[in-house]
């Protein structure tokens, strides 16, 4: 049975795709992992349809969660159209829906060849973007994006656009091998784009 939604620390996470255009050095997919600390098996047999995802949601008490987070084992914005369709259906069915967040690498506009941030307005409450470095060189070394430095520029631009499209924008870094100076440089960069910085603890496998 596929894991489409799963619980973690009072939030409901949504797993829509295995696809990703990055190969981050700290990714749990390395070494044959199919799951994480969040769920045992996140590797999807197939990408769930909108109806399959909605059926999974309907089997849960959505009002019990503090937040709904589109995250999972791949980059959720590969399925931005389906993600928005799911959110629209949920908002129609559940007037007291918890806040909705997307955890993303910030490459949605690069992936789709258009600005998708307008699609998020009125649907998404928080966008959390993986920063992972204060310079293009550091970012590419850690994230290993398919499009190299172009992905760095796209991520920064996406963050800036999100800041005018959704209420809350957060950029995250993992604290592994980061000096206090590097963390502060990341904080200054995030704030210059209209975002807040969140420092995440490194989780070893």
N, C-alpha and C. Protein backbone atom coordinates (compact mmCIF):
# COMPACT_ATOMS: atom_id res chain seq x y z
N UNK A 1 0.84 -1.20 0.00
CA UNK A 1 0.00 0.00 0.00
C UNK A 1 0.88 1.25 0.00
N UNK A 2 0.55 2.22 -0.85
CA UNK A 2 1.35 3.43 -0.96
C UNK A 2 1.08 4.38 0.19
N UNK A 3 2.13 5.09 0.59
CA UNK A 3 1.98 6.14 1.61
C UNK A 3 1.76 7.46 0.89
N UNK A 4 0.50 7.92 0.89
CA UNK A 4 0.18 9.21 0.27
C UNK A 4 0.19 10.31 1.32
N UNK A 5 -0.46 10.06 2.47
CA UNK A 5 -0.40 11.01 3.57
C UNK A 5 0.17 10.31 4.80
N UNK A 6 0.87 11.05 5.63
CA UNK A 6 1.46 10.48 6.84
C UNK A 6 1.59 11.57 7.89
N UNK A 7 1.61 11.15 9.14
CA UNK A 7 1.61 12.10 10.26
C UNK A 7 3.01 12.30 10.82
N UNK A 8 3.28 13.53 11.26
CA UNK A 8 4.54 13.81 11.95
C UNK A 8 4.34 15.04 12.81
N UNK A 9 4.56 14.89 14.10
CA UNK A 9 4.50 15.99 15.06
C UNK A 9 3.25 16.85 14.90
N UNK A 10 2.11 16.20 14.79
CA UNK A 10 0.84 16.90 14.76
C UNK A 10 0.42 17.47 13.42
N UNK A 11 1.27 17.27 12.40
CA UNK A 11 0.95 17.75 11.06
C UNK A 11 0.68 16.56 10.14
N UNK A 12 -0.02 16.81 9.05
CA UNK A 12 -0.28 15.78 8.05
C UNK A 12 0.52 16.10 6.81
N UNK A 13 1.42 15.19 6.44
CA UNK A 13 2.29 15.38 5.28
C UNK A 13 1.72 14.66 4.06
N UNK A 14 1.98 15.22 2.88
CA UNK A 14 1.39 14.70 1.65
C UNK A 14 2.52 14.37 0.66
N UNK A 15 2.50 13.14 0.17
CA UNK A 15 3.55 12.59 -0.68
C UNK A 15 2.97 12.35 -2.08
N UNK A 16 3.27 13.25 -3.04
CA UNK A 16 2.64 13.16 -4.36
C UNK A 16 3.55 12.66 -5.47
N UNK A 17 4.86 12.69 -5.26
CA UNK A 17 5.76 12.31 -6.36
C UNK A 17 7.12 11.85 -5.83
N UNK A 18 7.79 11.01 -6.62
CA UNK A 18 9.18 10.65 -6.35
C UNK A 18 10.15 11.55 -7.12
N UNK A 19 9.63 12.32 -8.08
CA UNK A 19 10.49 13.08 -8.98
C UNK A 19 11.19 14.23 -8.26
N UNK A 20 12.45 14.44 -8.59
CA UNK A 20 13.21 15.58 -8.06
C UNK A 20 14.33 15.92 -9.03
N UNK A 21 14.64 17.22 -9.14
CA UNK A 21 15.71 17.66 -10.04
C UNK A 21 17.00 17.95 -9.28
N UNK A 22 17.04 17.53 -8.01
CA UNK A 22 18.25 17.70 -7.20
C UNK A 22 18.74 16.35 -6.69
N UNK A 23 19.98 16.38 -6.18
CA UNK A 23 20.57 15.17 -5.59
C UNK A 23 21.33 15.59 -4.33
N UNK A 24 20.58 16.14 -3.38
CA UNK A 24 21.20 16.74 -2.18
C UNK A 24 22.06 15.72 -1.43
N UNK A 25 23.19 16.18 -0.93
CA UNK A 25 24.14 15.27 -0.29
C UNK A 25 23.57 14.67 0.99
N UNK A 26 22.61 15.36 1.62
CA UNK A 26 22.04 14.84 2.87
C UNK A 26 20.70 14.13 2.64
N UNK A 27 20.31 13.91 1.39
CA UNK A 27 18.99 13.34 1.11
C UNK A 27 18.89 11.90 1.63
N UNK A 28 17.74 11.60 2.23
CA UNK A 28 17.50 10.26 2.77
C UNK A 28 17.32 9.21 1.67
N UNK A 29 17.23 9.64 0.42
CA UNK A 29 17.08 8.68 -0.68
C UNK A 29 18.39 7.97 -0.99
N UNK A 30 19.50 8.51 -0.50
CA UNK A 30 20.79 7.84 -0.72
C UNK A 30 20.82 6.50 0.00
N UNK A 31 21.68 5.65 -0.43
CA UNK A 31 21.89 4.33 0.21
C UNK A 31 20.63 3.46 0.18
N UNK A 32 19.80 3.67 -0.83
CA UNK A 32 18.64 2.80 -1.02
C UNK A 32 17.49 3.04 -0.08
N UNK A 33 17.49 4.17 0.65
CA UNK A 33 16.39 4.46 1.56
C UNK A 33 15.09 4.63 0.79
N UNK A 34 14.03 4.05 1.30
CA UNK A 34 12.71 4.26 0.71
C UNK A 34 11.80 5.01 1.67
N UNK A 35 12.31 5.31 2.84
CA UNK A 35 11.52 6.02 3.84
C UNK A 35 12.38 6.99 4.61
N UNK A 36 11.86 7.44 5.73
CA UNK A 36 12.58 8.42 6.54
C UNK A 36 12.12 8.29 7.98
N UNK A 37 12.52 9.25 8.80
CA UNK A 37 12.05 9.25 10.18
C UNK A 37 10.55 9.52 10.23
N UNK A 38 10.01 10.05 9.14
CA UNK A 38 8.59 10.42 9.11
C UNK A 38 7.70 9.22 8.78
N UNK A 39 8.13 8.39 7.86
CA UNK A 39 7.32 7.24 7.43
C UNK A 39 8.27 6.18 6.87
N UNK A 40 7.88 4.92 7.02
CA UNK A 40 8.76 3.81 6.65
C UNK A 40 8.97 3.66 5.15
N UNK A 41 7.92 3.91 4.37
CA UNK A 41 8.03 3.68 2.93
C UNK A 41 7.33 4.81 2.17
N UNK A 42 8.11 5.74 1.66
CA UNK A 42 7.57 6.87 0.92
C UNK A 42 7.75 6.72 -0.59
N UNK A 43 8.40 5.62 -1.00
CA UNK A 43 8.64 5.43 -2.43
C UNK A 43 7.33 4.99 -3.09
N UNK A 44 6.82 5.83 -3.99
CA UNK A 44 5.51 5.59 -4.59
C UNK A 44 5.58 4.58 -5.74
N UNK A 45 4.64 3.64 -5.75
CA UNK A 45 4.53 2.69 -6.88
C UNK A 45 4.12 3.45 -8.14
N UNK A 46 3.26 4.42 -7.97
CA UNK A 46 2.86 5.33 -9.05
C UNK A 46 2.42 6.64 -8.40
N UNK A 47 2.43 7.71 -9.17
CA UNK A 47 1.98 8.98 -8.63
C UNK A 47 0.47 8.91 -8.41
N UNK A 48 0.00 9.18 -7.20
CA UNK A 48 -1.44 9.09 -6.95
C UNK A 48 -2.20 10.13 -7.76
N UNK A 49 -3.38 9.75 -8.24
CA UNK A 49 -4.24 10.71 -8.90
C UNK A 49 -4.80 11.68 -7.88
N UNK A 50 -5.40 12.74 -8.36
CA UNK A 50 -6.06 13.70 -7.46
C UNK A 50 -7.11 12.97 -6.63
N UNK A 51 -7.89 12.10 -7.26
CA UNK A 51 -8.95 11.38 -6.54
C UNK A 51 -8.36 10.41 -5.50
N UNK A 52 -7.25 9.75 -5.84
CA UNK A 52 -6.61 8.85 -4.87
C UNK A 52 -6.12 9.64 -3.66
N UNK A 53 -5.54 10.80 -3.92
CA UNK A 53 -5.05 11.64 -2.81
C UNK A 53 -6.22 12.13 -1.95
N UNK A 54 -7.29 12.57 -2.59
CA UNK A 54 -8.45 13.06 -1.84
C UNK A 54 -9.08 11.95 -1.00
N UNK A 55 -9.13 10.74 -1.54
CA UNK A 55 -9.67 9.61 -0.78
C UNK A 55 -8.84 9.37 0.48
N UNK A 56 -7.52 9.54 0.36
CA UNK A 56 -6.63 9.38 1.51
C UNK A 56 -6.92 10.46 2.56
N UNK A 57 -7.11 11.69 2.10
CA UNK A 57 -7.45 12.79 3.02
C UNK A 57 -8.77 12.52 3.73
N UNK A 58 -9.75 12.06 2.97
CA UNK A 58 -11.10 11.88 3.53
C UNK A 58 -11.15 10.79 4.60
N UNK A 59 -10.15 9.94 4.60
CA UNK A 59 -10.11 8.87 5.61
C UNK A 59 -9.53 9.38 6.94
N UNK A 60 -9.14 10.65 6.98
CA UNK A 60 -8.53 11.22 8.18
C UNK A 60 -9.39 12.34 8.75
N UNK A 61 -9.17 12.64 10.02
CA UNK A 61 -9.83 13.76 10.68
C UNK A 61 -8.95 15.00 10.48
N UNK A 62 -9.19 15.72 9.42
CA UNK A 62 -8.29 16.82 9.05
C UNK A 62 -8.24 17.93 10.09
N UNK A 63 -9.34 18.13 10.80
CA UNK A 63 -9.38 19.19 11.82
C UNK A 63 -8.43 18.91 12.98
N UNK A 64 -7.97 17.66 13.08
CA UNK A 64 -7.09 17.29 14.20
C UNK A 64 -5.64 17.71 13.98
N UNK A 65 -5.29 18.14 12.77
CA UNK A 65 -3.89 18.46 12.46
C UNK A 65 -3.64 19.96 12.56
N UNK A 66 -2.42 20.31 12.96
CA UNK A 66 -2.08 21.73 13.08
C UNK A 66 -1.74 22.33 11.72
N UNK A 67 -1.38 21.46 10.75
CA UNK A 67 -0.94 21.93 9.44
C UNK A 67 -0.99 20.78 8.44
N UNK A 68 -1.20 21.11 7.17
CA UNK A 68 -1.08 20.14 6.08
C UNK A 68 0.13 20.55 5.25
N UNK A 69 1.04 19.60 5.04
CA UNK A 69 2.32 19.92 4.40
C UNK A 69 2.54 19.05 3.16
N UNK A 70 2.63 19.70 2.00
CA UNK A 70 2.99 18.98 0.78
C UNK A 70 4.50 18.86 0.75
N UNK A 71 4.98 17.63 0.88
CA UNK A 71 6.42 17.40 1.05
C UNK A 71 6.78 16.07 0.39
N UNK A 72 6.89 15.01 1.18
CA UNK A 72 7.11 13.67 0.64
C UNK A 72 8.52 13.39 0.18
N UNK A 73 8.64 12.45 -0.77
CA UNK A 73 9.95 11.94 -1.15
C UNK A 73 10.51 12.61 -2.40
N UNK A 74 9.68 13.41 -3.05
CA UNK A 74 10.12 14.12 -4.25
C UNK A 74 9.81 15.60 -4.12
N UNK A 75 9.95 16.34 -5.21
CA UNK A 75 9.67 17.77 -5.24
C UNK A 75 8.19 17.98 -5.59
N UNK A 76 7.38 18.42 -4.61
CA UNK A 76 5.94 18.45 -4.81
C UNK A 76 5.47 19.37 -5.94
N UNK A 77 6.25 20.41 -6.25
CA UNK A 77 5.78 21.35 -7.26
C UNK A 77 5.89 20.80 -8.68
N UNK A 78 6.49 19.63 -8.86
CA UNK A 78 6.38 18.96 -10.17
C UNK A 78 4.91 18.78 -10.52
N UNK A 79 4.07 18.66 -9.49
CA UNK A 79 2.64 18.43 -9.69
C UNK A 79 1.82 19.63 -9.21
N UNK A 80 2.26 20.82 -9.58
CA UNK A 80 1.64 22.03 -9.07
C UNK A 80 0.16 22.11 -9.42
N UNK A 81 -0.22 21.68 -10.63
CA UNK A 81 -1.62 21.72 -11.03
C UNK A 81 -2.48 20.80 -10.19
N UNK A 82 -2.00 19.58 -9.99
CA UNK A 82 -2.74 18.62 -9.17
C UNK A 82 -2.75 19.05 -7.71
N UNK A 83 -1.64 19.60 -7.24
CA UNK A 83 -1.57 20.09 -5.86
C UNK A 83 -2.63 21.16 -5.63
N UNK A 84 -2.76 22.09 -6.56
CA UNK A 84 -3.75 23.16 -6.42
C UNK A 84 -5.17 22.58 -6.50
N UNK A 85 -5.38 21.60 -7.36
CA UNK A 85 -6.71 20.98 -7.47
C UNK A 85 -7.09 20.28 -6.16
N UNK A 86 -6.13 19.63 -5.53
CA UNK A 86 -6.37 18.97 -4.25
C UNK A 86 -6.73 20.00 -3.18
N UNK A 87 -5.96 21.08 -3.12
CA UNK A 87 -6.21 22.12 -2.13
C UNK A 87 -7.60 22.73 -2.34
N UNK A 88 -7.97 23.02 -3.59
CA UNK A 88 -9.28 23.61 -3.88
C UNK A 88 -10.40 22.68 -3.41
N UNK A 89 -10.26 21.39 -3.68
CA UNK A 89 -11.29 20.43 -3.28
C UNK A 89 -11.39 20.35 -1.76
N UNK A 90 -10.24 20.34 -1.09
CA UNK A 90 -10.24 20.26 0.38
C UNK A 90 -10.86 21.50 1.00
N UNK A 91 -10.53 22.66 0.46
CA UNK A 91 -11.08 23.90 1.01
C UNK A 91 -12.60 23.96 0.83
N UNK A 92 -13.08 23.37 -0.24
CA UNK A 92 -14.52 23.35 -0.49
C UNK A 92 -15.23 22.39 0.47
N UNK A 93 -14.58 21.24 0.73
CA UNK A 93 -15.19 20.21 1.58
C UNK A 93 -15.02 20.47 3.07
N UNK A 94 -13.92 21.13 3.44
CA UNK A 94 -13.60 21.32 4.86
C UNK A 94 -13.39 22.81 5.15
N UNK A 95 -14.45 23.52 5.56
CA UNK A 95 -14.33 24.96 5.82
C UNK A 95 -13.27 25.31 6.87
N UNK A 96 -13.03 24.40 7.83
CA UNK A 96 -12.05 24.67 8.89
C UNK A 96 -10.74 23.94 8.62
N UNK A 97 -10.30 23.98 7.38
CA UNK A 97 -9.07 23.29 7.00
C UNK A 97 -7.86 23.92 7.69
N UNK A 98 -6.92 23.10 8.20
CA UNK A 98 -5.70 23.66 8.81
C UNK A 98 -4.88 24.44 7.77
N UNK A 99 -3.94 25.27 8.22
CA UNK A 99 -3.06 25.97 7.29
C UNK A 99 -2.30 24.99 6.39
N UNK A 100 -1.97 25.43 5.18
CA UNK A 100 -1.32 24.56 4.20
C UNK A 100 0.05 25.10 3.85
N UNK A 101 1.03 24.20 3.88
CA UNK A 101 2.42 24.56 3.57
C UNK A 101 2.94 23.69 2.44
N UNK A 102 3.84 24.25 1.66
CA UNK A 102 4.60 23.47 0.67
C UNK A 102 6.07 23.52 1.07
N UNK A 103 6.70 22.35 1.17
CA UNK A 103 8.15 22.26 1.33
C UNK A 103 8.74 22.02 -0.06
N UNK A 104 9.59 22.91 -0.53
CA UNK A 104 10.02 22.86 -1.92
C UNK A 104 11.49 23.24 -2.07
N UNK A 105 12.08 22.85 -3.21
CA UNK A 105 13.44 23.30 -3.51
C UNK A 105 13.43 24.65 -4.23
N UNK A 106 12.25 25.16 -4.53
CA UNK A 106 12.16 26.48 -5.14
C UNK A 106 12.39 26.51 -6.64
N UNK A 107 12.33 25.37 -7.28
CA UNK A 107 12.61 25.30 -8.72
C UNK A 107 11.35 25.22 -9.58
N UNK A 108 10.18 25.46 -8.98
CA UNK A 108 8.92 25.27 -9.71
C UNK A 108 8.86 26.05 -11.01
N UNK A 109 9.27 27.32 -10.98
CA UNK A 109 9.20 28.13 -12.19
C UNK A 109 10.16 27.61 -13.26
N UNK A 110 11.30 27.12 -12.83
CA UNK A 110 12.28 26.53 -13.74
C UNK A 110 11.74 25.23 -14.33
N UNK A 111 11.11 24.42 -13.50
CA UNK A 111 10.56 23.13 -13.94
C UNK A 111 9.46 23.33 -14.97
N UNK A 112 8.58 24.31 -14.71
CA UNK A 112 7.39 24.48 -15.56
C UNK A 112 7.55 25.54 -16.66
N UNK A 113 8.62 26.29 -16.58
CA UNK A 113 8.84 27.30 -17.63
C UNK A 113 7.87 28.47 -17.54
N UNK A 114 7.31 28.70 -16.37
CA UNK A 114 6.41 29.84 -16.15
C UNK A 114 6.41 30.18 -14.66
N UNK A 115 5.88 31.36 -14.34
CA UNK A 115 5.77 31.76 -12.94
C UNK A 115 4.52 31.13 -12.33
N UNK A 116 4.71 30.20 -11.41
CA UNK A 116 3.57 29.51 -10.79
C UNK A 116 3.16 30.14 -9.47
N UNK A 117 3.88 31.16 -9.02
CA UNK A 117 3.63 31.67 -7.67
C UNK A 117 2.22 32.26 -7.53
N UNK A 118 1.66 32.79 -8.62
CA UNK A 118 0.30 33.30 -8.56
C UNK A 118 -0.71 32.21 -8.26
N UNK A 119 -0.39 30.97 -8.65
CA UNK A 119 -1.28 29.83 -8.39
C UNK A 119 -1.39 29.55 -6.89
N UNK A 120 -0.40 30.00 -6.14
CA UNK A 120 -0.36 29.70 -4.70
C UNK A 120 -1.21 30.66 -3.88
N UNK A 121 -1.48 31.85 -4.43
CA UNK A 121 -2.23 32.87 -3.71
C UNK A 121 -3.64 32.38 -3.39
N UNK A 122 -4.02 32.49 -2.11
CA UNK A 122 -5.34 32.06 -1.68
C UNK A 122 -5.44 30.57 -1.42
N UNK A 123 -4.40 29.85 -1.75
CA UNK A 123 -4.39 28.40 -1.54
C UNK A 123 -3.38 27.99 -0.47
N UNK A 124 -2.20 28.57 -0.52
CA UNK A 124 -1.08 28.15 0.33
C UNK A 124 -0.78 29.23 1.37
N UNK A 125 -0.61 28.80 2.61
CA UNK A 125 -0.32 29.75 3.69
C UNK A 125 1.18 29.97 3.90
N UNK A 126 1.96 28.91 3.73
CA UNK A 126 3.41 28.98 3.94
C UNK A 126 4.14 28.23 2.84
N UNK A 127 5.20 28.83 2.32
CA UNK A 127 6.12 28.14 1.41
C UNK A 127 7.48 28.07 2.10
N UNK A 128 7.99 26.85 2.25
CA UNK A 128 9.30 26.62 2.87
C UNK A 128 10.27 26.16 1.79
N UNK A 129 11.32 26.94 1.58
CA UNK A 129 12.24 26.73 0.47
C UNK A 129 13.62 26.32 0.99
N UNK A 130 14.19 25.28 0.42
CA UNK A 130 15.52 24.81 0.83
C UNK A 130 16.59 25.75 0.28
N UNK A 131 17.30 26.43 1.16
CA UNK A 131 18.36 27.35 0.75
C UNK A 131 19.70 26.62 0.70
N UNK A 132 20.10 26.03 1.81
CA UNK A 132 21.26 25.14 1.86
C UNK A 132 22.63 25.79 1.63
N UNK A 133 22.69 27.09 1.42
CA UNK A 133 23.97 27.74 1.25
C UNK A 133 23.79 29.21 0.96
N UNK A 134 24.82 30.02 1.26
CA UNK A 134 24.70 31.47 1.05
C UNK A 134 25.31 31.92 -0.27
N UNK A 135 25.92 31.00 -1.00
CA UNK A 135 26.51 31.33 -2.31
C UNK A 135 26.10 30.27 -3.32
N UNK A 136 26.19 30.62 -4.59
CA UNK A 136 25.83 29.67 -5.65
C UNK A 136 26.72 28.43 -5.60
N UNK A 137 28.01 28.64 -5.33
CA UNK A 137 28.95 27.51 -5.30
C UNK A 137 28.60 26.54 -4.17
N UNK A 138 28.32 27.10 -2.98
CA UNK A 138 27.98 26.24 -1.84
C UNK A 138 26.66 25.52 -2.10
N UNK A 139 25.70 26.27 -2.63
CA UNK A 139 24.38 25.69 -2.93
C UNK A 139 24.50 24.51 -3.90
N UNK A 140 25.24 24.70 -4.95
CA UNK A 140 25.38 23.64 -5.96
C UNK A 140 26.14 22.44 -5.41
N UNK A 141 27.12 22.69 -4.54
CA UNK A 141 27.88 21.59 -3.95
C UNK A 141 27.00 20.73 -3.05
N UNK A 142 26.08 21.37 -2.32
CA UNK A 142 25.23 20.65 -1.38
C UNK A 142 23.99 20.05 -2.06
N UNK A 143 23.38 20.84 -2.93
CA UNK A 143 22.09 20.47 -3.53
C UNK A 143 22.25 19.66 -4.82
N UNK A 144 23.32 19.91 -5.55
CA UNK A 144 23.61 19.22 -6.81
C UNK A 144 22.40 19.24 -7.76
N UNK A 145 21.91 20.46 -8.08
CA UNK A 145 20.75 20.56 -8.96
C UNK A 145 21.10 20.21 -10.40
N UNK A 146 20.14 19.67 -11.09
CA UNK A 146 20.33 19.28 -12.49
C UNK A 146 20.77 20.46 -13.36
N UNK A 147 20.24 21.67 -13.05
CA UNK A 147 20.52 22.84 -13.88
C UNK A 147 21.62 23.74 -13.32
N UNK A 148 22.37 23.23 -12.34
CA UNK A 148 23.52 23.98 -11.83
C UNK A 148 23.15 25.35 -11.29
N UNK A 149 23.99 26.36 -11.58
CA UNK A 149 23.78 27.69 -11.01
C UNK A 149 22.48 28.34 -11.47
N UNK A 150 21.97 27.91 -12.62
CA UNK A 150 20.68 28.40 -13.09
C UNK A 150 19.58 28.08 -12.06
N UNK A 151 19.72 26.92 -11.40
CA UNK A 151 18.75 26.52 -10.38
C UNK A 151 18.85 27.42 -9.15
N UNK A 152 20.06 27.83 -8.81
CA UNK A 152 20.28 28.76 -7.69
C UNK A 152 19.55 30.07 -7.96
N UNK A 153 19.76 30.63 -9.14
CA UNK A 153 19.11 31.90 -9.50
C UNK A 153 17.59 31.74 -9.52
N UNK A 154 17.11 30.61 -10.04
CA UNK A 154 15.67 30.35 -10.11
C UNK A 154 15.07 30.25 -8.71
N UNK A 155 15.80 29.62 -7.80
CA UNK A 155 15.32 29.46 -6.43
C UNK A 155 15.21 30.82 -5.73
N UNK A 156 16.21 31.68 -5.92
CA UNK A 156 16.18 33.01 -5.31
C UNK A 156 15.01 33.83 -5.86
N UNK A 157 14.82 33.78 -7.17
CA UNK A 157 13.74 34.52 -7.82
C UNK A 157 12.38 34.01 -7.35
N UNK A 158 12.25 32.69 -7.24
CA UNK A 158 11.00 32.07 -6.78
C UNK A 158 10.67 32.54 -5.36
N UNK A 159 11.69 32.59 -4.51
CA UNK A 159 11.48 33.04 -3.12
C UNK A 159 10.96 34.46 -3.08
N UNK A 160 11.58 35.33 -3.86
CA UNK A 160 11.18 36.74 -3.89
C UNK A 160 9.73 36.88 -4.38
N UNK A 161 9.37 36.10 -5.38
CA UNK A 161 8.01 36.15 -5.92
C UNK A 161 7.00 35.60 -4.91
N UNK A 162 7.39 34.54 -4.21
CA UNK A 162 6.50 33.96 -3.21
C UNK A 162 6.19 34.96 -2.10
N UNK A 163 7.17 35.80 -1.79
CA UNK A 163 7.00 36.77 -0.70
C UNK A 163 5.85 37.73 -0.96
N UNK A 164 5.48 37.90 -2.22
CA UNK A 164 4.34 38.78 -2.56
C UNK A 164 3.08 37.98 -2.85
N UNK A 165 3.19 36.64 -2.84
CA UNK A 165 2.06 35.79 -3.24
C UNK A 165 1.42 35.03 -2.09
N UNK A 166 2.19 34.73 -1.04
CA UNK A 166 1.67 33.94 0.10
C UNK A 166 2.03 34.65 1.41
N UNK A 167 1.27 34.35 2.47
CA UNK A 167 1.50 35.06 3.74
C UNK A 167 2.86 34.82 4.39
N UNK A 168 3.37 33.58 4.32
CA UNK A 168 4.61 33.25 5.03
C UNK A 168 5.59 32.54 4.09
N UNK A 169 6.81 33.05 4.04
CA UNK A 169 7.87 32.41 3.25
C UNK A 169 9.07 32.17 4.17
N UNK A 170 9.52 30.92 4.18
CA UNK A 170 10.64 30.51 5.03
C UNK A 170 11.70 29.89 4.14
N UNK A 171 12.96 30.17 4.43
CA UNK A 171 14.06 29.47 3.77
C UNK A 171 14.75 28.62 4.83
N UNK A 172 15.15 27.42 4.47
CA UNK A 172 15.75 26.51 5.45
C UNK A 172 17.17 26.13 5.06
N UNK A 173 17.99 25.88 6.07
CA UNK A 173 19.31 25.29 5.87
C UNK A 173 19.47 24.17 6.90
N UNK A 174 20.33 23.22 6.59
CA UNK A 174 20.68 22.16 7.53
C UNK A 174 21.98 22.57 8.20
N UNK A 175 22.05 22.41 9.53
CA UNK A 175 23.19 22.97 10.28
C UNK A 175 24.49 22.19 10.14
N UNK A 176 24.48 21.07 9.43
CA UNK A 176 25.69 20.25 9.30
C UNK A 176 26.80 21.05 8.61
N UNK A 177 27.97 21.10 9.27
CA UNK A 177 29.17 21.75 8.73
C UNK A 177 29.00 23.24 8.44
N UNK A 178 28.06 23.90 9.12
CA UNK A 178 27.84 25.33 8.90
C UNK A 178 28.44 26.11 10.07
N UNK A 179 29.26 27.12 9.75
CA UNK A 179 29.79 28.00 10.80
C UNK A 179 28.73 29.05 11.14
N UNK A 180 28.86 29.68 12.31
CA UNK A 180 27.92 30.76 12.67
C UNK A 180 27.90 31.86 11.61
N UNK A 181 29.06 32.15 11.02
CA UNK A 181 29.14 33.20 10.00
C UNK A 181 28.34 32.80 8.75
N UNK A 182 28.45 31.53 8.35
CA UNK A 182 27.70 31.05 7.18
C UNK A 182 26.19 31.10 7.44
N UNK A 183 25.82 30.74 8.66
CA UNK A 183 24.38 30.78 9.02
C UNK A 183 23.86 32.21 8.96
N UNK A 184 24.65 33.16 9.46
CA UNK A 184 24.22 34.56 9.42
C UNK A 184 24.16 35.09 8.00
N UNK A 185 25.06 34.63 7.14
CA UNK A 185 25.02 35.03 5.72
C UNK A 185 23.74 34.51 5.07
N UNK A 186 23.37 33.29 5.42
CA UNK A 186 22.12 32.71 4.91
C UNK A 186 20.91 33.50 5.41
N UNK A 187 20.97 33.90 6.68
CA UNK A 187 19.86 34.67 7.26
C UNK A 187 19.70 36.01 6.54
N UNK A 188 20.82 36.67 6.29
CA UNK A 188 20.77 37.97 5.61
C UNK A 188 20.22 37.82 4.20
N UNK A 189 20.61 36.75 3.51
CA UNK A 189 20.12 36.51 2.15
C UNK A 189 18.62 36.26 2.17
N UNK A 190 18.17 35.40 3.08
CA UNK A 190 16.74 35.09 3.17
C UNK A 190 15.93 36.35 3.43
N UNK A 191 16.38 37.16 4.38
CA UNK A 191 15.65 38.37 4.74
C UNK A 191 15.64 39.38 3.59
N UNK A 192 16.69 39.40 2.78
CA UNK A 192 16.74 40.32 1.64
C UNK A 192 15.70 39.95 0.58
N UNK A 193 15.24 38.69 0.61
CA UNK A 193 14.25 38.21 -0.36
C UNK A 193 12.83 38.23 0.20
N UNK A 194 12.70 38.67 1.45
CA UNK A 194 11.38 38.73 2.07
C UNK A 194 11.01 37.48 2.83
N UNK A 195 12.00 36.64 3.14
CA UNK A 195 11.75 35.38 3.84
C UNK A 195 12.42 35.38 5.21
N UNK A 196 12.02 34.42 6.03
CA UNK A 196 12.68 34.18 7.32
C UNK A 196 13.53 32.93 7.20
N UNK A 197 14.61 32.87 7.96
CA UNK A 197 15.48 31.68 7.93
C UNK A 197 15.12 30.73 9.05
N UNK A 198 15.09 29.45 8.72
CA UNK A 198 14.92 28.39 9.72
C UNK A 198 16.11 27.45 9.62
N UNK A 199 16.80 27.23 10.72
CA UNK A 199 17.95 26.32 10.76
C UNK A 199 17.48 24.97 11.24
N UNK A 200 17.65 23.96 10.39
CA UNK A 200 17.21 22.59 10.72
C UNK A 200 18.37 21.77 11.20
N UNK A 201 18.12 20.89 12.17
CA UNK A 201 19.16 20.00 12.67
C UNK A 201 19.39 18.87 11.65
N UNK A 202 20.64 18.53 11.45
CA UNK A 202 20.99 17.42 10.56
C UNK A 202 20.55 16.11 11.17
N UNK A 203 19.89 15.28 10.38
CA UNK A 203 19.44 13.96 10.84
C UNK A 203 20.24 12.90 10.09
N UNK A 204 21.07 12.18 10.79
CA UNK A 204 21.88 11.15 10.13
C UNK A 204 21.02 9.93 9.84
N UNK A 205 21.46 9.16 8.82
CA UNK A 205 20.68 7.95 8.54
C UNK A 205 21.25 6.77 9.30
